[in-house]
Amino acid sequence: MIKIKSKKIHNSPDNKSFTYYLTFENDPVEYELNYNYSNSCFYKGITATLSIVSNNFCKAISSKRLKFIKRFSIKQVHDVFNEYNLNKPNGEILLNQLYYKEVK
């Protein structure tokens, strides 16, 4: 399990994305974990993306689709954001899955 050294949280004004800005112990790199609602013709749902941040550029290193949402509602989106909150076990498990997918 990775240990979070610091985290900042940002919720978008339209409530369709939720972003953590993270640093980890024993890792000098800055990361961004973004939960985002996508409404495309191919996928309508919530996706989590872990990115490396360097000089205001983000490089996505791993991504996972969390939940398909047929009809958009802010409540559904926030329920998924809350389920994968980093203060909860599901959020910690997800972060480790995304992080170690790139590191291994």
PDB file of N, CA and C in Angstrom:
ATOM      1  N   MET A   1       0.836  -1.183   0.000  1.00  0.00           N
ATOM      2  CA  MET A   1       0.000   0.000   0.000  1.00  0.00           C
ATOM      3  C   MET A   1       0.883   1.249   0.000  1.00  0.00           C
ATOM      4  N   ILE A   2       0.541   2.181  -0.866  1.00  0.00           N
ATOM      5  CA  ILE A   2       1.280   3.431  -0.884  1.00  0.00           C
ATOM      6  C   ILE A   2       0.731   4.360   0.189  1.00  0.00           C
ATOM      7  N   LYS A   3       1.584   5.226   0.693  1.00  0.00           N
ATOM      8  CA  LYS A   3       1.174   6.175   1.726  1.00  0.00           C
ATOM      9  C   LYS A   3       1.147   7.565   1.131  1.00  0.00           C
ATOM     10  N   ILE A   4       0.033   8.241   1.309  1.00  0.00           N
ATOM     11  CA  ILE A   4      -0.137   9.596   0.793  1.00  0.00           C
ATOM     12  C   ILE A   4       0.561  10.568   1.734  1.00  0.00           C
ATOM     13  N   LYS A   5       1.443  11.385   1.166  1.00  0.00           N
ATOM     14  CA  LYS A   5       2.160  12.398   1.948  1.00  0.00           C
ATOM     15  C   LYS A   5       1.328  13.674   2.038  1.00  0.00           C
ATOM     16  N   SER A   6       0.753  14.094   0.907  1.00  0.00           N
ATOM     17  CA  SER A   6      -0.108  15.276   0.913  1.00  0.00           C
ATOM     18  C   SER A   6      -1.159  15.142  -0.182  1.00  0.00           C
ATOM     19  N   LYS A   7      -2.302  15.785   0.056  1.00  0.00           N
ATOM     20  CA  LYS A   7      -3.342  15.774  -0.965  1.00  0.00           C
ATOM     21  C   LYS A   7      -4.141  17.064  -0.906  1.00  0.00           C
ATOM     22  N   LYS A   8      -4.515  17.541  -2.083  1.00  0.00           N
ATOM     23  CA  LYS A   8      -5.397  18.691  -2.236  1.00  0.00           C
ATOM     24  C   LYS A   8      -6.560  18.216  -3.088  1.00  0.00           C
ATOM     25  N   ILE A   9      -7.730  18.770  -2.855  1.00  0.00           N
ATOM     26  CA  ILE A   9      -8.923  18.313  -3.550  1.00  0.00           C
ATOM     27  C   ILE A   9      -9.553  19.467  -4.306  1.00  0.00           C
ATOM     28  N   HIS A  10     -10.014  19.186  -5.525  1.00  0.00           N
ATOM     29  CA  HIS A  10     -10.724  20.180  -6.331  1.00  0.00           C
ATOM     30  C   HIS A  10     -11.958  19.533  -6.937  1.00  0.00           C
ATOM     31  N   ASN A  11     -13.104  20.193  -6.775  1.00  0.00           N
ATOM     32  CA  ASN A  11     -14.358  19.751  -7.386  1.00  0.00           C
ATOM     33  C   ASN A  11     -14.712  20.750  -8.480  1.00  0.00           C
ATOM     34  N   SER A  12     -14.972  20.273  -9.681  1.00  0.00           N
ATOM     35  CA  SER A  12     -15.244  21.185 -10.790  1.00  0.00           C
ATOM     36  C   SER A  12     -16.556  21.930 -10.575  1.00  0.00           C
ATOM     37  N   PRO A  13     -16.690  23.137 -11.132  1.00  0.00           N
ATOM     38  CA  PRO A  13     -17.917  23.928 -10.968  1.00  0.00           C
ATOM     39  C   PRO A  13     -19.169  23.228 -11.505  1.00  0.00           C
ATOM     40  N   ASP A  14     -19.018  22.395 -12.546  1.00  0.00           N
ATOM     41  CA  ASP A  14     -20.191  21.704 -13.095  1.00  0.00           C
ATOM     42  C   ASP A  14     -20.471  20.379 -12.384  1.00  0.00           C
ATOM     43  N   ASN A  15     -19.676  20.050 -11.365  1.00  0.00           N
ATOM     44  CA  ASN A  15     -19.833  18.843 -10.547  1.00  0.00           C
ATOM     45  C   ASN A  15     -19.674  17.546 -11.326  1.00  0.00           C
ATOM     46  N   LYS A  16     -18.982  17.580 -12.460  1.00  0.00           N
ATOM     47  CA  LYS A  16     -18.800  16.369 -13.262  1.00  0.00           C
ATOM     48  C   LYS A  16     -17.398  15.795 -13.162  1.00  0.00           C
ATOM     49  N   SER A  17     -16.539  16.433 -12.377  1.00  0.00           N
ATOM     50  CA  SER A  17     -15.219  15.856 -12.143  1.00  0.00           C
ATOM     51  C   SER A  17     -14.740  16.221 -10.739  1.00  0.00           C
ATOM     52  N   PHE A  18     -13.875  15.370 -10.234  1.00  0.00           N
ATOM     53  CA  PHE A  18     -13.353  15.510  -8.880  1.00  0.00           C
ATOM     54  C   PHE A  18     -11.885  15.141  -8.954  1.00  0.00           C
ATOM     55  N   THR A  19     -11.004  16.009  -8.495  1.00  0.00           N
ATOM     56  CA  THR A  19      -9.572  15.799  -8.683  1.00  0.00           C
ATOM     57  C   THR A  19      -8.828  15.870  -7.353  1.00  0.00           C
ATOM     58  N   TYR A  20      -7.944  14.891  -7.153  1.00  0.00           N
ATOM     59  CA  TYR A  20      -7.004  14.906  -6.045  1.00  0.00           C
ATOM     60  C   TYR A  20      -5.628  15.222  -6.620  1.00  0.00           C
ATOM     61  N   TYR A  21      -4.899  16.137  -5.983  1.00  0.00           N
ATOM     62  CA  TYR A  21      -3.499  16.412  -6.309  1.00  0.00           C
ATOM     63  C   TYR A  21      -2.689  15.761  -5.196  1.00  0.00           C
ATOM     64  N   LEU A  22      -1.842  14.791  -5.547  1.00  0.00           N
ATOM     65  CA  LEU A  22      -1.227  13.921  -4.554  1.00  0.00           C
ATOM     66  C   LEU A  22       0.289  13.889  -4.627  1.00  0.00           C
ATOM     67  N   THR A  23       0.915  13.701  -3.476  1.00  0.00           N
ATOM     68  CA  THR A  23       2.317  13.300  -3.404  1.00  0.00           C
ATOM     69  C   THR A  23       2.361  12.113  -2.448  1.00  0.00           C
ATOM     70  N   PHE A  24       3.294  11.190  -2.728  1.00  0.00           N
ATOM     71  CA  PHE A  24       3.410   9.977  -1.934  1.00  0.00           C
ATOM     72  C   PHE A  24       4.753   9.945  -1.219  1.00  0.00           C
ATOM     73  N   GLU A  25       4.788   9.225  -0.105  1.00  0.00           N
ATOM     74  CA  GLU A  25       6.049   9.019   0.605  1.00  0.00           C
ATOM     75  C   GLU A  25       6.978   8.198  -0.283  1.00  0.00           C
ATOM     76  N   ASN A  26       8.253   8.511  -0.263  1.00  0.00           N
ATOM     77  CA  ASN A  26       9.287   7.799  -1.043  1.00  0.00           C
ATOM     78  C   ASN A  26       9.081   7.894  -2.550  1.00  0.00           C
ATOM     79  N   ASP A  27       8.374   8.922  -3.019  1.00  0.00           N
ATOM     80  CA  ASP A  27       8.181   9.133  -4.456  1.00  0.00           C
ATOM     81  C   ASP A  27       8.170  10.644  -4.702  1.00  0.00           C
ATOM     82  N   PRO A  28       9.186  11.188  -5.397  1.00  0.00           N
ATOM     83  CA  PRO A  28       9.277  12.634  -5.580  1.00  0.00           C
ATOM     84  C   PRO A  28       8.294  13.198  -6.628  1.00  0.00           C
ATOM     85  N   VAL A  29       7.619  12.344  -7.359  1.00  0.00           N
ATOM     86  CA  VAL A  29       6.742  12.768  -8.443  1.00  0.00           C
ATOM     87  C   VAL A  29       5.398  13.245  -7.883  1.00  0.00           C
ATOM     88  N   GLU A  30       4.823  14.271  -8.532  1.00  0.00           N
ATOM     89  CA  GLU A  30       3.480  14.722  -8.182  1.00  0.00           C
ATOM     90  C   GLU A  30       2.475  14.004  -9.071  1.00  0.00           C
ATOM     91  N   TYR A  31       1.339  13.641  -8.488  1.00  0.00           N
ATOM     92  CA  TYR A  31       0.308  12.912  -9.217  1.00  0.00           C
ATOM     93  C   TYR A  31      -1.021  13.646  -9.145  1.00  0.00           C
ATOM     94  N   GLU A  32      -1.885  13.299 -10.082  1.00  0.00           N
ATOM     95  CA  GLU A  32      -3.251  13.811 -10.104  1.00  0.00           C
ATOM     96  C   GLU A  32      -4.165  12.607 -10.309  1.00  0.00           C
ATOM     97  N   LEU A  33      -5.138  12.429  -9.426  1.00  0.00           N
ATOM     98  CA  LEU A  33      -6.145  11.392  -9.568  1.00  0.00           C
ATOM     99  C   LEU A  33      -7.447  12.090  -9.885  1.00  0.00           C
ATOM    100  N   ASN A  34      -7.989  11.803 -11.065  1.00  0.00           N
ATOM    101  CA  ASN A  34      -9.179  12.496 -11.530  1.00  0.00           C
ATOM    102  C   ASN A  34     -10.314  11.499 -11.739  1.00  0.00           C
ATOM    103  N   TYR A  35     -11.455  11.791 -11.105  1.00  0.00           N
ATOM    104  CA  TYR A  35     -12.689  11.055 -11.361  1.00  0.00           C
ATOM    105  C   TYR A  35     -13.512  11.944 -12.283  1.00  0.00           C
ATOM    106  N   ASN A  36     -13.913  11.408 -13.421  1.00  0.00           N
ATOM    107  CA  ASN A  36     -14.562  12.242 -14.419  1.00  0.00           C
ATOM    108  C   ASN A  36     -15.777  11.540 -15.004  1.00  0.00           C
ATOM    109  N   TYR A  37     -16.872  12.297 -15.182  1.00  0.00           N
ATOM    110  CA  TYR A  37     -18.051  11.771 -15.866  1.00  0.00           C
ATOM    111  C   TYR A  37     -17.887  12.011 -17.357  1.00  0.00           C
ATOM    112  N   SER A  38     -18.050  10.961 -18.140  1.00  0.00           N
ATOM    113  CA  SER A  38     -17.930  11.053 -19.588  1.00  0.00           C
ATOM    114  C   SER A  38     -19.281  10.746 -20.210  1.00  0.00           C
ATOM    115  N   ASN A  39     -19.673  11.548 -21.184  1.00  0.00           N
ATOM    116  CA  ASN A  39     -20.945  11.343 -21.866  1.00  0.00           C
ATOM    117  C   ASN A  39     -20.693  11.301 -23.370  1.00  0.00           C
ATOM    118  N   SER A  40     -20.008  10.254 -23.822  1.00  0.00           N
ATOM    119  CA  SER A  40     -19.717  10.133 -25.250  1.00  0.00           C
ATOM    120  C   SER A  40     -20.620   9.064 -25.860  1.00  0.00           C
ATOM    121  N   CYS A  41     -20.543   8.913 -27.161  1.00  0.00           N
ATOM    122  CA  CYS A  41     -21.361   7.895 -27.811  1.00  0.00           C
ATOM    123  C   CYS A  41     -20.860   6.487 -27.491  1.00  0.00           C
ATOM    124  N   PHE A  42     -19.607   6.351 -27.030  1.00  0.00           N
ATOM    125  CA  PHE A  42     -19.046   5.040 -26.727  1.00  0.00           C
ATOM    126  C   PHE A  42     -19.193   4.645 -25.263  1.00  0.00           C
ATOM    127  N   TYR A  43     -19.109   5.632 -24.361  1.00  0.00           N
ATOM    128  CA  TYR A  43     -19.151   5.321 -22.936  1.00  0.00           C
ATOM    129  C   TYR A  43     -19.779   6.476 -22.175  1.00  0.00           C
ATOM    130  N   LYS A  44     -20.772   6.142 -21.368  1.00  0.00           N
ATOM    131  CA  LYS A  44     -21.391   7.113 -20.478  1.00  0.00           C
ATOM    132  C   LYS A  44     -21.175   6.609 -19.053  1.00  0.00           C
ATOM    133  N   GLY A  45     -20.285   7.254 -18.348  1.00  0.00           N
ATOM    134  CA  GLY A  45     -20.024   6.797 -16.996  1.00  0.00           C
ATOM    135  C   GLY A  45     -18.852   7.507 -16.355  1.00  0.00           C
ATOM    136  N   ILE A  46     -18.416   6.948 -15.221  1.00  0.00           N
ATOM    137  CA  ILE A  46     -17.346   7.535 -14.426  1.00  0.00           C
ATOM    138  C   ILE A  46     -16.048   6.772 -14.684  1.00  0.00           C
ATOM    139  N   THR A  47     -14.983   7.524 -14.929  1.00  0.00           N
ATOM    140  CA  THR A  47     -13.660   6.954 -15.145  1.00  0.00           C
ATOM    141  C   THR A  47     -12.681   7.592 -14.165  1.00  0.00           C
ATOM    142  N   ALA A  48     -11.782   6.786 -13.630  1.00  0.00           N
ATOM    143  CA  ALA A  48     -10.700   7.290 -12.771  1.00  0.00           C
ATOM    144  C   ALA A  48      -9.408   7.246 -13.567  1.00  0.00           C
ATOM    145  N   THR A  49      -8.656   8.347 -13.542  1.00  0.00           N
ATOM    146  CA  THR A  49      -7.391   8.422 -14.266  1.00  0.00           C
ATOM    147  C   THR A  49      -6.306   8.940 -13.336  1.00  0.00           C
ATOM    148  N   LEU A  50      -5.191   8.219 -13.283  1.00  0.00           N
ATOM    149  CA  LEU A  50      -4.032   8.651 -12.514  1.00  0.00           C
ATOM    150  C   LEU A  50      -3.015   9.210 -13.491  1.00  0.00           C
ATOM    151  N   SER A  51      -2.545  10.430 -13.229  1.00  0.00           N
ATOM    152  CA  SER A  51      -1.601  11.101 -14.117  1.00  0.00           C
ATOM    153  C   SER A  51      -0.390  11.582 -13.332  1.00  0.00           C
ATOM    154  N   ILE A  52       0.731  11.667 -14.033  1.00  0.00           N
ATOM    155  CA  ILE A  52       1.932  12.292 -13.485  1.00  0.00           C
ATOM    156  C   ILE A  52       1.892  13.762 -13.893  1.00  0.00           C
ATOM    157  N   VAL A  53       2.155  14.663 -12.936  1.00  0.00           N
ATOM    158  CA  VAL A  53       2.121  16.097 -13.198  1.00  0.00           C
ATOM    159  C   VAL A  53       3.550  16.625 -13.222  1.00  0.00           C
ATOM    160  N   SER A  54       3.875  17.359 -14.294  1.00  0.00           N
ATOM    161  CA  SER A  54       5.200  17.958 -14.412  1.00  0.00           C
ATOM    162  C   SER A  54       5.083  19.273 -15.168  1.00  0.00           C
ATOM    163  N   ASN A  55       5.395  20.373 -14.489  1.00  0.00           N
ATOM    164  CA  ASN A  55       5.355  21.706 -15.107  1.00  0.00           C
ATOM    165  C   ASN A  55       4.021  21.992 -15.788  1.00  0.00           C
ATOM    166  N   ASN A  56       2.929  21.751 -15.089  1.00  0.00           N
ATOM    167  CA  ASN A  56       1.566  21.978 -15.579  1.00  0.00           C
ATOM    168  C   ASN A  56       1.163  21.084 -16.737  1.00  0.00           C
ATOM    169  N   PHE A  57       1.919  20.043 -17.024  1.00  0.00           N
ATOM    170  CA  PHE A  57       1.535  19.045 -18.010  1.00  0.00           C
ATOM    171  C   PHE A  57       1.201  17.760 -17.280  1.00  0.00           C
ATOM    172  N   CYS A  58       0.179  17.065 -17.751  1.00  0.00           N
ATOM    173  CA  CYS A  58      -0.225  15.800 -17.147  1.00  0.00           C
ATOM    174  C   CYS A  58      -0.072  14.676 -18.151  1.00  0.00           C
ATOM    175  N   LYS A  59       0.527  13.594 -17.695  1.00  0.00           N
ATOM    176  CA  LYS A  59       0.674  12.405 -18.530  1.00  0.00           C
ATOM    177  C   LYS A  59      -0.098  11.283 -17.844  1.00  0.00           C
ATOM    178  N   ALA A  60      -1.193  10.854 -18.467  1.00  0.00           N
ATOM    179  CA  ALA A  60      -1.996   9.780 -17.892  1.00  0.00           C
ATOM    180  C   ALA A  60      -1.199   8.489 -17.921  1.00  0.00           C
ATOM    181  N   ILE A  61      -1.150   7.815 -16.790  1.00  0.00           N
ATOM    182  CA  ILE A  61      -0.386   6.573 -16.727  1.00  0.00           C
ATOM    183  C   ILE A  61      -1.285   5.353 -16.582  1.00  0.00           C
ATOM    184  N   SER A  62      -2.466   5.524 -16.017  1.00  0.00           N
ATOM    185  CA  SER A  62      -3.407   4.418 -15.932  1.00  0.00           C
ATOM    186  C   SER A  62      -4.812   4.961 -15.713  1.00  0.00           C
ATOM    187  N   SER A  63      -5.772   4.173 -16.175  1.00  0.00           N
ATOM    188  CA  SER A  63      -7.156   4.600 -16.121  1.00  0.00           C
ATOM    189  C   SER A  63      -8.044   3.381 -15.913  1.00  0.00           C
ATOM    190  N   LYS A  64      -9.172   3.598 -15.243  1.00  0.00           N
ATOM    191  CA  LYS A  64     -10.096   2.498 -15.008  1.00  0.00           C
ATOM    192  C   LYS A  64     -11.525   3.022 -15.057  1.00  0.00           C
ATOM    193  N   ARG A  65     -12.375   2.337 -15.796  1.00  0.00           N
ATOM    194  CA  ARG A  65     -13.799   2.680 -15.812  1.00  0.00           C
ATOM    195  C   ARG A  65     -14.435   2.153 -14.538  1.00  0.00           C
ATOM    196  N   LEU A  66     -15.125   3.041 -13.819  1.00  0.00           N
ATOM    197  CA  LEU A  66     -15.669   2.662 -12.521  1.00  0.00           C
ATOM    198  C   LEU A  66     -17.128   2.242 -12.584  1.00  0.00           C
ATOM    199  N   LYS A  67     -17.939   3.000 -13.316  1.00  0.00           N
ATOM    200  CA  LYS A  67     -19.365   2.687 -13.329  1.00  0.00           C
ATOM    201  C   LYS A  67     -20.015   3.277 -14.572  1.00  0.00           C
ATOM    202  N   PHE A  68     -20.823   2.456 -15.238  1.00  0.00           N
ATOM    203  CA  PHE A  68     -21.625   2.900 -16.378  1.00  0.00           C
ATOM    204  C   PHE A  68     -22.871   3.597 -15.836  1.00  0.00           C
ATOM    205  N   ILE A  69     -23.195   4.771 -16.402  1.00  0.00           N
ATOM    206  CA  ILE A  69     -24.389   5.514 -15.986  1.00  0.00           C
ATOM    207  C   ILE A  69     -25.232   5.783 -17.232  1.00  0.00           C
ATOM    208  N   LYS A  70     -26.414   5.175 -17.272  1.00  0.00           N
ATOM    209  CA  LYS A  70     -27.266   5.288 -18.464  1.00  0.00           C
ATOM    210  C   LYS A  70     -27.887   6.681 -18.582  1.00  0.00           C
ATOM    211  N   ARG A  71     -28.426   7.168 -17.484  1.00  0.00           N
ATOM    212  CA  ARG A  71     -29.034   8.504 -17.474  1.00  0.00           C
ATOM    213  C   ARG A  71     -28.317   9.354 -16.440  1.00  0.00           C
ATOM    214  N   PHE A  72     -27.783  10.457 -16.889  1.00  0.00           N
ATOM    215  CA  PHE A  72     -26.976  11.311 -16.020  1.00  0.00           C
ATOM    216  C   PHE A  72     -27.813  11.966 -14.931  1.00  0.00           C
ATOM    217  N   SER A  73     -27.288  11.910 -13.723  1.00  0.00           N
ATOM    218  CA  SER A  73     -27.804  12.734 -12.631  1.00  0.00           C
ATOM    219  C   SER A  73     -26.619  13.055 -11.719  1.00  0.00           C
ATOM    220  N   ILE A  74     -26.622  14.247 -11.172  1.00  0.00           N
ATOM    221  CA  ILE A  74     -25.541  14.667 -10.280  1.00  0.00           C
ATOM    222  C   ILE A  74     -25.452  13.710  -9.087  1.00  0.00           C
ATOM    223  N   LYS A  75     -26.594  13.241  -8.594  1.00  0.00           N
ATOM    224  CA  LYS A  75     -26.589  12.336  -7.441  1.00  0.00           C
ATOM    225  C   LYS A  75     -25.845  11.046  -7.762  1.00  0.00           C
ATOM    226  N   GLN A  76     -26.086  10.456  -8.938  1.00  0.00           N
ATOM    227  CA  GLN A  76     -25.375   9.227  -9.316  1.00  0.00           C
ATOM    228  C   GLN A  76     -23.869   9.462  -9.369  1.00  0.00           C
ATOM    229  N   VAL A  77     -23.471  10.564  -9.985  1.00  0.00           N
ATOM    230  CA  VAL A  77     -22.055  10.889 -10.104  1.00  0.00           C
ATOM    231  C   VAL A  77     -21.435  11.078  -8.724  1.00  0.00           C
ATOM    232  N   HIS A  78     -22.094  11.806  -7.854  1.00  0.00           N
ATOM    233  CA  HIS A  78     -21.556  12.050  -6.516  1.00  0.00           C
ATOM    234  C   HIS A  78     -21.530  10.780  -5.678  1.00  0.00           C
ATOM    235  N   ASP A  79     -22.486   9.870  -5.902  1.00  0.00           N
ATOM    236  CA  ASP A  79     -22.446   8.591  -5.190  1.00  0.00           C
ATOM    237  C   ASP A  79     -21.179   7.811  -5.541  1.00  0.00           C
ATOM    238  N   VAL A  80     -20.798   7.826  -6.823  1.00  0.00           N
ATOM    239  CA  VAL A  80     -19.575   7.137  -7.248  1.00  0.00           C
ATOM    240  C   VAL A  80     -18.351   7.861  -6.692  1.00  0.00           C
ATOM    241  N   PHE A  81     -18.326   9.200  -6.763  1.00  0.00           N
ATOM    242  CA  PHE A  81     -17.206   9.959  -6.198  1.00  0.00           C
ATOM    243  C   PHE A  81     -17.040   9.626  -4.713  1.00  0.00           C
ATOM    244  N   ASN A  82     -18.155   9.573  -3.984  1.00  0.00           N
ATOM    245  CA  ASN A  82     -18.097   9.273  -2.550  1.00  0.00           C
ATOM    246  C   ASN A  82     -17.650   7.841  -2.283  1.00  0.00           C
ATOM    247  N   GLU A  83     -18.084   6.901  -3.124  1.00  0.00           N
ATOM    248  CA  GLU A  83     -17.697   5.494  -2.948  1.00  0.00           C
ATOM    249  C   GLU A  83     -16.183   5.314  -3.086  1.00  0.00           C
ATOM    250  N   TYR A  84     -15.570   6.084  -3.998  1.00  0.00           N
ATOM    251  CA  TYR A  84     -14.135   5.968  -4.248  1.00  0.00           C
ATOM    252  C   TYR A  84     -13.329   7.110  -3.627  1.00  0.00           C
ATOM    253  N   ASN A  85     -13.870   7.732  -2.596  1.00  0.00           N
ATOM    254  CA  ASN A  85     -13.164   8.770  -1.849  1.00  0.00           C
ATOM    255  C   ASN A  85     -11.891   8.152  -1.256  1.00  0.00           C
ATOM    256  N   LEU A  86     -10.791   8.872  -1.292  1.00  0.00           N
ATOM    257  CA  LEU A  86      -9.526   8.323  -0.807  1.00  0.00           C
ATOM    258  C   LEU A  86      -9.501   8.073   0.693  1.00  0.00           C
ATOM    259  N   ASN A  87     -10.482   8.572   1.420  1.00  0.00           N
ATOM    260  CA  ASN A  87     -10.570   8.298   2.852  1.00  0.00           C
ATOM    261  C   ASN A  87     -11.294   6.988   3.131  1.00  0.00           C
ATOM    262  N   LYS A  88     -11.769   6.305   2.078  1.00  0.00           N
ATOM    263  CA  LYS A  88     -12.497   5.047   2.225  1.00  0.00           C
ATOM    264  C   LYS A  88     -11.690   3.910   1.607  1.00  0.00           C
ATOM    265  N   PRO A  89     -11.936   2.677   2.052  1.00  0.00           N
ATOM    266  CA  PRO A  89     -11.167   1.533   1.531  1.00  0.00           C
ATOM    267  C   PRO A  89     -11.230   1.373   0.008  1.00  0.00           C
ATOM    268  N   ASN A  90     -12.387   1.577  -0.611  1.00  0.00           N
ATOM    269  CA  ASN A  90     -12.488   1.438  -2.073  1.00  0.00           C
ATOM    270  C   ASN A  90     -11.602   2.444  -2.796  1.00  0.00           C
ATOM    271  N   GLY A  91     -11.498   3.647  -2.266  1.00  0.00           N
ATOM    272  CA  GLY A  91     -10.638   4.664  -2.864  1.00  0.00           C
ATOM    273  C   GLY A  91      -9.172   4.307  -2.739  1.00  0.00           C
ATOM    274  N   GLU A  92      -8.769   3.798  -1.579  1.00  0.00           N
ATOM    275  CA  GLU A  92      -7.382   3.381  -1.378  1.00  0.00           C
ATOM    276  C   GLU A  92      -7.013   2.212  -2.283  1.00  0.00           C
ATOM    277  N   ILE A  93      -7.920   1.243  -2.406  1.00  0.00           N
ATOM    278  CA  ILE A  93      -7.683   0.084  -3.276  1.00  0.00           C
ATOM    279  C   ILE A  93      -7.542   0.532  -4.721  1.00  0.00           C
ATOM    280  N   LEU A  94      -8.438   1.412  -5.158  1.00  0.00           N
ATOM    281  CA  LEU A  94      -8.386   1.917  -6.534  1.00  0.00           C
ATOM    282  C   LEU A  94      -7.074   2.650  -6.794  1.00  0.00           C
ATOM    283  N   LEU A  95      -6.666   3.524  -5.890  1.00  0.00           N
ATOM    284  CA  LEU A  95      -5.416   4.267  -6.053  1.00  0.00           C
ATOM    285  C   LEU A  95      -4.226   3.314  -6.172  1.00  0.00           C
ATOM    286  N   ASN A  96      -4.188   2.286  -5.351  1.00  0.00           N
ATOM    287  CA  ASN A  96      -3.101   1.305  -5.419  1.00  0.00           C
ATOM    288  C   ASN A  96      -3.130   0.537  -6.734  1.00  0.00           C
ATOM    289  N   GLN A  97      -4.318   0.184  -7.213  1.00  0.00           N
ATOM    290  CA  GLN A  97      -4.423  -0.508  -8.499  1.00  0.00           C
ATOM    291  C   GLN A  97      -3.879   0.366  -9.627  1.00  0.00           C
ATOM    292  N   LEU A  98      -4.267   1.615  -9.643  1.00  0.00           N
ATOM    293  CA  LEU A  98      -3.828   2.523 -10.702  1.00  0.00           C
ATOM    294  C   LEU A  98      -2.320   2.795 -10.601  1.00  0.00           C
ATOM    295  N   TYR A  99      -1.828   3.007  -9.411  1.00  0.00           N
ATOM    296  CA  TYR A  99      -0.421   3.334  -9.197  1.00  0.00           C
ATOM    297  C   TYR A  99       0.479   2.158  -9.569  1.00  0.00           C
ATOM    298  N   TYR A 100       0.186   0.996  -9.057  1.00  0.00           N
ATOM    299  CA  TYR A 100       1.067  -0.150  -9.283  1.00  0.00           C
ATOM    300  C   TYR A 100       0.950  -0.735 -10.679  1.00  0.00           C
ATOM    301  N   LYS A 101      -0.111  -0.403 -11.382  1.00  0.00           N
ATOM    302  CA  LYS A 101      -0.210  -0.826 -12.786  1.00  0.00           C
ATOM    303  C   LYS A 101       0.922  -0.180 -13.591  1.00  0.00           C
ATOM    304  N   GLU A 102       1.248   1.083 -13.279  1.00  0.00           N
ATOM    305  CA  GLU A 102       2.308   1.784 -13.979  1.00  0.00           C
ATOM    306  C   GLU A 102       3.689   1.408 -13.442  1.00  0.00           C
ATOM    307  N   VAL A 103       3.807   1.267 -12.135  1.00  0.00           N
ATOM    308  CA  VAL A 103       5.115   1.056 -11.516  1.00  0.00           C
ATOM    309  C   VAL A 103       5.672  -0.335 -11.846  1.00  0.00           C
ATOM    310  N   LYS A 104       4.816  -1.356 -11.868  1.00  0.00           N
ATOM    311  CA  LYS A 104       5.276  -2.737 -12.111  1.00  0.00           C
ATOM    312  C   LYS A 104       5.736  -2.950 -13.519  1.00  0.00           C
TER     313      LYS A 104
END
